[in-house]
């Protein structure tokens, strides 16, 4: 019997091909449910189910109908938006997954804060206001610094720090303009009408990759983020694993993430979490019911029973099919990824220095994902990177330095966009 896994993902997501390759290695039939055009009959000849992320009930009905013809043996979601649909579909089909209300809470920044606070976990002071309000009266009532962020977007998009009332008003109005952009409005997400205001939390930031096995968290990797993320924007660049923090602190981080997952009600499936650590403890910023985004998972390789090796996508497919991952551990070699930031907005033309960057010791791959003639938009308005640099080495420091050296080799031709009057 051929095992079938349903993968919910955006049509343009980086990870769909990586999951497809992993499914081929496992002999698994991967069925996609994506936000593609539903007016053309199977335009890519892959049998995918066309769904609309903002029409959750209809999407679940279509998935259940497809399962009645050929059952699925597991469900996975890539990216934040499909996680709630995946949870409802798993529930309807009797497959292991997260409760829908837990997936909803993990996707909504306000609900996440409320759940963590109710559980007694460390959270910043926060409030939520409509994007339509006048920010000036709010500005004079805040204790600075603060962070303003959209309640619905991900990947640090729209997240800004303000250090005084003037800066808060500027950031708030900038975020309001972003929320009015066509691509955000097209999401038709009610949370996109709200702005979260919270106190700035200082400290080191970490990312955690793991899986929940019926409520029990198995940590697969803890990433250090060596670049300070203090604002005014919060563009992530370098992830390196294993973490160089003391084992006791790593245990503390893992325990906090597990507690946060329980507070949200997450139960089964991949987890990508972010936290900040300072002398007050661990502040969990996010526990998403999905794997790490973009191509970053290529920085992770695992060793299993015997001589088996696998990437993160293969591990998650195994887990979705009911296999326990107790015997799998991250490879002993240090590894990392740099998400190449966009230095300026404009029209991307070409990259230079790739060969020199590839010759840097410990660098194993350069992936430029920007396409010629693509319009580039940097953070906080943008939502993408120029590409990715991957490295492996004897220590995390060797990896970090290799990533920085390779990035220094790269230059990019970006033409300034002309304003049409």
Protein backbone atom coordinates (compact mmCIF):
# COMPACT_ATOMS: atom_id res chain seq x y z
CA UNK A 1 0.00 0.00 0.00
CA UNK A 2 1.32 3.42 -0.97
CA UNK A 3 1.20 5.81 1.96
CA UNK A 4 -0.30 9.23 1.19
CA UNK A 5 0.50 12.45 3.04
CA UNK A 6 -1.40 15.68 2.49
CA UNK A 7 0.83 18.77 2.53
CA UNK A 8 -0.85 22.17 2.91
CA UNK A 9 1.37 24.94 1.57
CA UNK A 10 1.40 28.13 -0.44
CA UNK A 11 1.88 27.72 -4.17
CA UNK A 12 5.08 29.79 -4.10
CA UNK A 13 6.62 28.34 -0.93
CA UNK A 14 10.31 27.37 -0.93
CA UNK A 15 9.70 24.12 0.89
CA UNK A 16 7.27 22.30 -1.38
CA UNK A 17 10.05 20.91 -3.61
CA UNK A 18 12.10 19.85 -0.57
CA UNK A 19 9.13 17.89 0.80
CA UNK A 20 8.57 16.38 -2.63
CA UNK A 21 12.16 15.12 -2.77
CA UNK A 22 11.88 13.71 0.75
CA UNK A 23 8.65 11.92 -0.15
CA UNK A 24 10.32 10.30 -3.15
CA UNK A 25 13.12 8.99 -0.93
CA UNK A 26 10.57 7.46 1.44
CA UNK A 27 8.31 6.08 -1.28
CA UNK A 28 5.48 8.28 -0.01
CA UNK A 29 2.82 9.82 -2.25
CA UNK A 30 2.63 13.53 -1.46
CA UNK A 31 -0.66 15.29 -2.22
CA UNK A 32 -0.64 19.08 -2.11
CA UNK A 33 -3.43 21.37 -0.97
CA UNK A 34 -2.43 24.86 -2.09
CA UNK A 35 -3.80 28.34 -2.66
CA UNK A 36 -3.66 27.94 -6.43
CA UNK A 37 -6.20 28.94 -9.06
CA UNK A 38 -9.33 26.82 -8.75
CA UNK A 39 -10.71 27.79 -12.18
CA UNK A 40 -8.16 25.74 -14.15
CA UNK A 41 -8.31 21.98 -13.93
CA UNK A 42 -5.02 20.78 -12.40
CA UNK A 43 -2.81 23.38 -14.14
CA UNK A 44 0.45 21.71 -12.95
CA UNK A 45 -0.70 18.10 -13.47
CA UNK A 46 0.09 17.12 -9.89
CA UNK A 47 -3.37 16.31 -8.57
CA UNK A 48 -3.24 19.09 -5.97
CA UNK A 49 -6.36 20.24 -4.14
CA UNK A 50 -7.00 23.97 -4.72
CA UNK A 51 -8.07 25.69 -1.49
CA UNK A 52 -8.48 29.22 -0.15
CA UNK A 53 -6.76 29.84 3.16
CA UNK A 54 -9.36 32.44 4.17
CA UNK A 55 -12.22 29.99 3.46
CA UNK A 56 -11.35 27.46 6.11
CA UNK A 57 -14.64 25.56 6.23
CA UNK A 58 -14.76 25.14 2.44
CA UNK A 59 -11.10 24.06 2.38
CA UNK A 60 -11.74 21.39 5.01
CA UNK A 61 -14.78 20.13 3.08
CA UNK A 62 -12.69 19.81 -0.10
CA UNK A 63 -9.95 17.93 1.74
CA UNK A 64 -12.42 15.53 3.38
CA UNK A 65 -14.08 14.92 0.01
CA UNK A 66 -10.69 14.13 -1.55
CA UNK A 67 -9.91 11.75 1.32
CA UNK A 68 -13.14 9.83 0.72
CA UNK A 69 -11.84 8.86 -2.73
CA UNK A 70 -8.31 8.03 -1.57
CA UNK A 71 -7.50 8.25 2.15
CA UNK A 72 -4.60 10.20 3.60
CA UNK A 73 -2.31 8.61 6.17
CA UNK A 74 -0.91 11.87 7.52
CA UNK A 75 -1.27 15.66 7.27
CA UNK A 76 1.37 18.39 7.41
CA UNK A 77 1.16 22.17 7.08
CA UNK A 78 3.98 24.43 5.87
CA UNK A 79 3.72 28.12 6.73
CA UNK A 80 1.44 29.80 9.25
CA UNK A 81 -1.72 30.29 7.22
CA UNK A 82 -2.67 26.63 6.51
CA UNK A 83 -2.10 25.36 10.07
CA UNK A 84 -5.69 25.85 11.20
CA UNK A 85 -7.11 24.13 8.12
CA UNK A 86 -4.70 21.24 8.68
CA UNK A 87 -5.87 20.93 12.29
CA UNK A 88 -9.56 20.85 11.33
CA UNK A 89 -8.91 18.36 8.51
CA UNK A 90 -6.90 16.05 10.79
CA UNK A 91 -9.72 16.17 13.34
CA UNK A 92 -12.36 15.36 10.72
CA UNK A 93 -10.31 12.50 9.26
CA UNK A 94 -9.27 10.98 12.58
CA UNK A 95 -5.58 11.65 12.02
CA UNK A 96 -3.07 12.80 14.63
CA UNK A 97 -2.74 16.58 14.78
CA UNK A 98 -3.41 19.68 16.85
CA UNK A 99 -6.79 20.74 18.21
CA UNK A 100 -8.14 23.45 15.86
CA UNK A 101 -8.47 25.97 18.68
CA UNK A 102 -4.80 25.42 19.59
CA UNK A 103 -3.68 25.95 15.99
CA UNK A 104 -5.79 29.12 15.91
CA UNK A 105 -4.20 30.43 19.11
CA UNK A 106 -0.65 29.70 17.93
CA UNK A 107 -1.25 31.60 14.68
CA UNK A 108 -2.66 34.73 16.34
CA UNK A 109 -0.14 36.87 18.25
CA UNK A 110 -2.77 38.28 20.59
CA UNK A 111 -4.22 34.88 21.48
CA UNK A 112 -0.72 33.51 22.00
CA UNK A 113 0.10 36.28 24.48
CA UNK A 114 -3.17 35.76 26.33
CA UNK A 115 -2.69 31.98 26.61
CA UNK A 116 0.90 32.29 27.83
CA UNK A 117 -0.02 34.96 30.36
CA UNK A 118 -2.91 32.87 31.70
CA UNK A 119 -0.48 29.97 32.17
CA UNK A 120 1.82 32.15 34.28
CA UNK A 121 4.63 32.31 31.71
CA UNK A 122 6.80 35.36 31.17
CA UNK A 123 5.25 37.67 28.57
CA UNK A 124 5.84 41.32 27.68
CA UNK A 125 3.21 43.87 28.61
CA UNK A 126 0.88 43.99 25.61
CA UNK A 127 -2.28 45.49 24.21
CA UNK A 128 -4.13 45.22 20.90
CA UNK A 129 -5.73 48.13 19.06
CA UNK A 130 -7.43 48.51 15.71
CA UNK A 131 -5.18 49.78 12.94
CA UNK A 132 -7.73 52.50 12.25
CA UNK A 133 -7.31 54.32 15.60
CA UNK A 134 -5.43 57.59 16.15
CA UNK A 135 -2.02 56.56 17.59
CA UNK A 136 -1.25 59.93 19.21
CA UNK A 137 -3.29 59.49 22.42
CA UNK A 138 -1.81 55.99 22.83
CA UNK A 139 1.73 57.29 22.30
CA UNK A 140 1.74 59.46 25.43
CA UNK A 141 0.53 56.58 27.66
CA UNK A 142 3.27 54.04 26.91
CA UNK A 143 6.43 53.07 28.76
CA UNK A 144 9.23 52.99 26.20
CA UNK A 145 10.77 51.24 24.38
CA UNK A 146 7.89 49.33 22.78
CA UNK A 147 7.43 47.13 19.75
CA UNK A 148 4.54 47.50 17.33
CA UNK A 149 3.68 44.50 15.20
CA UNK A 150 0.85 43.20 13.04
CA UNK A 151 -1.34 40.60 14.70
CA UNK A 152 -1.47 38.44 11.58
CA UNK A 153 1.77 38.68 9.57
CA UNK A 154 4.88 36.54 10.08
CA UNK A 155 8.61 36.56 9.42
CA UNK A 156 9.24 39.88 11.25
CA UNK A 157 7.22 41.67 8.59
CA UNK A 158 5.86 44.96 9.94
CA UNK A 159 7.62 44.60 13.30
CA UNK A 160 9.17 47.89 14.50
CA UNK A 161 10.64 49.30 17.70
CA UNK A 162 9.75 52.74 18.99
CA UNK A 163 11.75 54.56 21.68
CA UNK A 164 9.53 57.61 22.21
CA UNK A 165 6.05 58.96 21.35
CA UNK A 166 7.16 60.46 18.04
CA UNK A 167 8.77 57.21 16.95
CA UNK A 168 5.67 55.27 18.00
CA UNK A 169 3.35 57.41 15.86
CA UNK A 170 5.69 57.05 12.87
CA UNK A 171 5.91 53.28 13.29
CA UNK A 172 2.17 52.88 13.84
CA UNK A 173 1.28 54.83 10.72
CA UNK A 174 3.90 52.94 8.71
CA UNK A 175 2.39 49.65 9.83
CA UNK A 176 -1.11 50.90 9.05
CA UNK A 177 -0.01 51.61 5.46
CA UNK A 178 1.47 48.12 5.21
CA UNK A 179 -1.78 46.53 6.40
CA UNK A 180 -3.60 48.40 3.64
CA UNK A 181 -1.37 46.89 0.92
CA UNK A 182 -3.12 44.69 -1.64
CA UNK A 183 -1.30 41.48 -0.72
CA UNK A 184 -2.22 41.86 2.96
CA UNK A 185 -5.84 42.70 2.18
CA UNK A 186 -6.00 39.68 -0.12
CA UNK A 187 -5.37 37.44 2.90
CA UNK A 188 -8.87 38.35 4.16
CA UNK A 189 -7.68 37.67 7.68
CA UNK A 190 -9.66 39.60 10.34
CA UNK A 191 -6.53 39.74 12.52
CA UNK A 192 -4.89 41.86 9.82
CA UNK A 193 -7.02 44.75 11.08
CA UNK A 194 -5.24 44.75 14.46
CA UNK A 195 -1.92 46.05 15.77
CA UNK A 196 -0.17 44.54 18.78
CA UNK A 197 1.76 46.89 21.05
CA UNK A 198 4.11 45.30 23.55
CA UNK A 199 7.05 46.19 25.73
CA UNK A 200 10.48 45.57 24.22
CA UNK A 201 12.23 42.55 25.72
CA UNK A 202 16.01 42.71 25.76
CA UNK A 203 18.28 39.68 25.69
CA UNK A 204 19.58 36.94 23.40
CA UNK A 205 17.22 35.36 20.93
CA UNK A 206 16.95 31.66 20.07
CA UNK A 207 14.95 29.52 17.67
CA UNK A 208 13.86 25.99 18.53
CA UNK A 209 12.88 23.25 16.13
CA UNK A 210 10.99 20.27 17.45
CA UNK A 211 8.06 17.90 17.22
CA UNK A 212 5.24 17.21 19.60
CA UNK A 213 4.48 13.53 20.08
CA UNK A 214 0.99 13.50 21.61
CA UNK A 215 1.78 16.40 23.90
CA UNK A 216 5.44 15.60 24.61
CA UNK A 217 8.02 17.91 23.05
CA UNK A 218 11.10 16.41 21.40
CA UNK A 219 13.64 19.15 20.67
CA UNK A 220 15.45 18.58 17.38
CA UNK A 221 17.67 21.69 17.38
CA UNK A 222 18.27 24.94 19.24
CA UNK A 223 19.59 27.73 17.02
CA UNK A 224 21.61 30.67 18.31
CA UNK A 225 20.91 34.00 16.61
CA UNK A 226 24.29 35.70 17.01
CA UNK A 227 23.22 39.05 15.54
CA UNK A 228 21.50 41.37 18.05
CA UNK A 229 17.81 41.86 17.29
CA UNK A 230 17.25 45.17 19.02
CA UNK A 231 15.51 47.16 16.28
CA UNK A 232 14.43 49.46 14.83
CA UNK A 233 13.48 46.47 12.64
CA UNK A 234 13.93 42.79 13.43
CA UNK A 235 15.38 41.20 10.32
CA UNK A 236 16.72 37.74 11.09
CA UNK A 237 19.98 36.83 9.40
CA UNK A 238 22.11 34.04 10.93
CA UNK A 239 20.98 30.82 12.60
CA UNK A 240 23.67 28.51 14.01
CA UNK A 241 23.32 25.17 15.79
CA UNK A 242 24.18 23.62 18.20
CA UNK A 243 23.68 26.44 20.64
CA UNK A 244 26.74 27.66 22.52
CA UNK A 245 24.69 28.53 25.59
CA UNK A 246 25.24 26.47 28.78
CA UNK A 247 23.38 23.12 28.94
CA UNK A 248 21.35 24.34 31.93
CA UNK A 249 20.08 27.30 29.91
CA UNK A 250 19.24 25.06 26.97
CA UNK A 251 17.21 22.87 29.32
CA UNK A 252 15.47 25.98 30.60
CA UNK A 253 14.63 27.06 27.04
CA UNK A 254 13.29 23.62 26.15
CA UNK A 255 11.15 23.51 29.29
CA UNK A 256 9.70 26.96 28.57
CA UNK A 257 8.80 26.01 24.99
CA UNK A 258 7.16 22.79 26.19
CA UNK A 259 5.16 24.76 28.77
CA UNK A 260 4.12 27.30 26.14
CA UNK A 261 2.99 24.54 23.77
CA UNK A 262 0.86 23.08 26.56
CA UNK A 263 -0.58 26.51 27.34
CA UNK A 264 -1.65 26.89 23.72
CA UNK A 265 -3.04 23.36 23.63
CA UNK A 266 -0.74 22.12 20.86
CA UNK A 267 -0.59 18.34 20.83
CA UNK A 268 0.98 16.64 17.81
CA UNK A 269 3.16 17.74 14.92
CA UNK A 270 6.05 20.06 14.06
CA UNK A 271 6.90 23.07 16.22
CA UNK A 272 8.97 26.14 15.39
CA UNK A 273 9.45 28.40 18.40
CA UNK A 274 11.23 31.67 19.14
CA UNK A 275 12.28 33.00 22.53
CA UNK A 276 14.35 35.70 24.23
CA UNK A 277 16.43 35.08 27.32
CA UNK A 278 17.61 37.62 29.86
CA UNK A 279 18.27 37.71 33.60
CA UNK A 280 14.52 37.56 34.27
CA UNK A 281 14.14 34.25 32.46
CA UNK A 282 12.84 32.87 29.15
CA UNK A 283 10.26 34.90 27.24
CA UNK A 284 8.54 32.71 24.65
CA UNK A 285 7.72 34.89 21.66
CA UNK A 286 6.12 32.31 19.38
CA UNK A 287 5.24 28.63 19.21
CA UNK A 288 4.12 27.96 15.64
CA UNK A 289 2.49 24.68 14.63
CA UNK A 290 4.74 24.31 11.59
CA UNK A 291 8.39 23.71 10.69
CA UNK A 292 11.03 26.41 10.16
CA UNK A 293 10.35 28.48 7.06
CA UNK A 294 12.08 29.16 3.76
CA UNK A 295 15.07 27.00 2.89
CA UNK A 296 16.45 27.17 6.44
CA UNK A 297 15.69 23.50 7.04
CA UNK A 298 18.60 22.66 4.72
CA UNK A 299 20.84 23.56 7.68
CA UNK A 300 19.54 20.51 9.55
CA UNK A 301 20.61 16.92 9.02
CA UNK A 302 19.79 14.00 11.30
CA UNK A 303 21.21 10.56 12.00
CA UNK A 304 18.85 7.72 12.77
CA UNK A 305 18.95 4.05 13.67
CA UNK A 306 21.80 2.28 11.95
CA UNK A 307 23.38 4.33 9.20
CA UNK A 308 20.20 6.20 8.20
CA UNK A 309 20.37 9.94 7.60
CA UNK A 310 17.59 12.38 6.81
CA UNK A 311 16.74 16.03 6.48
CA UNK A 312 14.02 17.75 8.48
CA UNK A 313 11.38 17.22 5.78
CA UNK A 314 11.90 13.46 5.79
CA UNK A 315 11.68 13.36 9.58
CA UNK A 316 8.41 15.28 9.54
CA UNK A 317 6.93 12.98 6.90
CA UNK A 318 7.90 9.98 9.02
CA UNK A 319 6.30 11.63 12.05
CA UNK A 320 3.11 12.46 10.13
CA UNK A 321 2.85 8.79 9.21
CA UNK A 322 2.99 7.75 12.86
CA UNK A 323 6.67 6.91 13.23
CA UNK A 324 8.29 7.94 16.51
CA UNK A 325 11.54 9.87 16.21
CA UNK A 326 13.22 8.78 19.44
CA UNK A 327 16.20 7.27 17.64
CA UNK A 328 16.92 10.37 15.54
CA UNK A 329 19.41 13.05 16.62
CA UNK A 330 20.96 16.04 14.89
CA UNK A 331 24.32 15.37 13.23
CA UNK A 332 27.35 16.21 15.45
CA UNK A 333 28.75 18.74 12.96
CA UNK A 334 27.90 22.39 13.61
CA UNK A 335 25.77 23.97 10.89
CA UNK A 336 24.07 27.21 10.08
CA UNK A 337 22.26 29.36 7.56
CA UNK A 338 22.33 33.03 6.68
CA UNK A 339 19.19 34.56 5.22
CA UNK A 340 20.68 37.17 2.89
CA UNK A 341 19.03 40.48 3.73
CA UNK A 342 17.79 42.88 1.06
CA UNK A 343 20.07 45.95 1.32
CA UNK A 344 17.77 48.33 -0.57
CA UNK A 345 14.47 48.34 -2.40
CA UNK A 346 14.39 48.25 -6.18
CA UNK A 347 14.58 45.93 -9.17
CA UNK A 348 16.94 43.00 -8.72
CA UNK A 349 19.26 42.39 -11.65
CA UNK A 350 22.10 40.04 -10.70
CA UNK A 351 24.47 38.80 -7.99
CA UNK A 352 28.28 38.97 -8.05
CA UNK A 353 30.88 37.06 -6.08
CA UNK A 354 29.06 33.75 -5.78
CA UNK A 355 32.10 31.70 -6.80
CA UNK A 356 34.29 33.50 -4.26
CA UNK A 357 31.66 32.96 -1.57
CA UNK A 358 31.48 29.24 -2.39
CA UNK A 359 35.25 28.95 -1.93
CA UNK A 360 35.04 30.10 1.69
CA UNK A 361 36.03 27.20 3.93
CA UNK A 362 33.03 25.54 5.63
CA UNK A 363 30.52 27.06 3.17
CA UNK A 364 28.61 24.26 1.47
CA UNK A 365 25.96 26.01 -0.59
CA UNK A 366 24.83 29.44 -1.87
CA UNK A 367 21.22 29.74 -3.01
CA UNK A 368 20.16 33.04 -4.60
CA UNK A 369 16.38 32.82 -4.67
CA UNK A 370 15.64 36.32 -5.98
CA UNK A 371 14.82 36.32 -9.69
CA UNK A 372 16.12 38.84 -12.25
CA UNK A 373 13.69 41.77 -12.66
CA UNK A 374 12.01 40.92 -9.36
CA UNK A 375 10.91 43.88 -7.24
CA UNK A 376 12.72 43.79 -3.90
CA UNK A 377 11.17 45.26 -0.78
CA UNK A 378 13.29 45.29 2.41
CA UNK A 379 11.87 44.90 5.90
CA UNK A 380 9.75 46.00 7.59
CA UNK A 381 7.43 46.10 4.56
CA UNK A 382 9.04 43.17 2.72
CA UNK A 383 8.59 39.46 3.32
CA UNK A 384 11.49 37.76 1.53
CA UNK A 385 15.28 37.48 1.30
CA UNK A 386 17.76 37.58 -1.54
CA UNK A 387 18.75 34.01 -0.83
CA UNK A 388 20.50 31.70 1.62
CA UNK A 389 24.06 30.75 2.56
CA UNK A 390 24.69 27.38 4.23
CA UNK A 391 27.78 26.27 6.13
CA UNK A 392 29.02 23.33 8.21
CA UNK A 393 32.08 23.24 10.42
CA UNK A 394 33.81 21.92 13.50
CA UNK A 395 32.28 24.51 15.84
CA UNK A 396 29.39 26.99 15.78
CA UNK A 397 31.91 29.88 15.70
CA UNK A 398 33.58 28.45 12.59
CA UNK A 399 30.16 28.26 10.92
CA UNK A 400 29.20 31.79 11.92
CA UNK A 401 32.45 33.29 10.64
CA UNK A 402 32.16 31.36 7.36
CA UNK A 403 28.66 32.68 6.79
CA UNK A 404 29.80 36.26 7.42
CA UNK A 405 32.85 35.91 5.18
CA UNK A 406 30.79 34.44 2.34
CA UNK A 407 28.24 37.24 2.66
CA UNK A 408 31.05 39.81 2.44
CA UNK A 409 32.00 38.30 -0.96
CA UNK A 410 28.56 38.98 -2.41
CA UNK A 411 27.33 42.15 -4.07
CA UNK A 412 24.02 42.73 -5.80
CA UNK A 413 22.89 44.95 -8.64
CA UNK A 414 19.60 46.53 -7.61
CA UNK A 415 18.15 49.30 -9.78
CA UNK A 416 16.21 51.97 -8.00
CA UNK A 417 12.54 52.00 -8.86
CA UNK A 418 11.42 55.15 -10.65
CA UNK A 419 8.42 56.95 -9.25
CA UNK A 420 5.65 57.35 -11.79
CA UNK A 421 3.97 60.75 -11.52
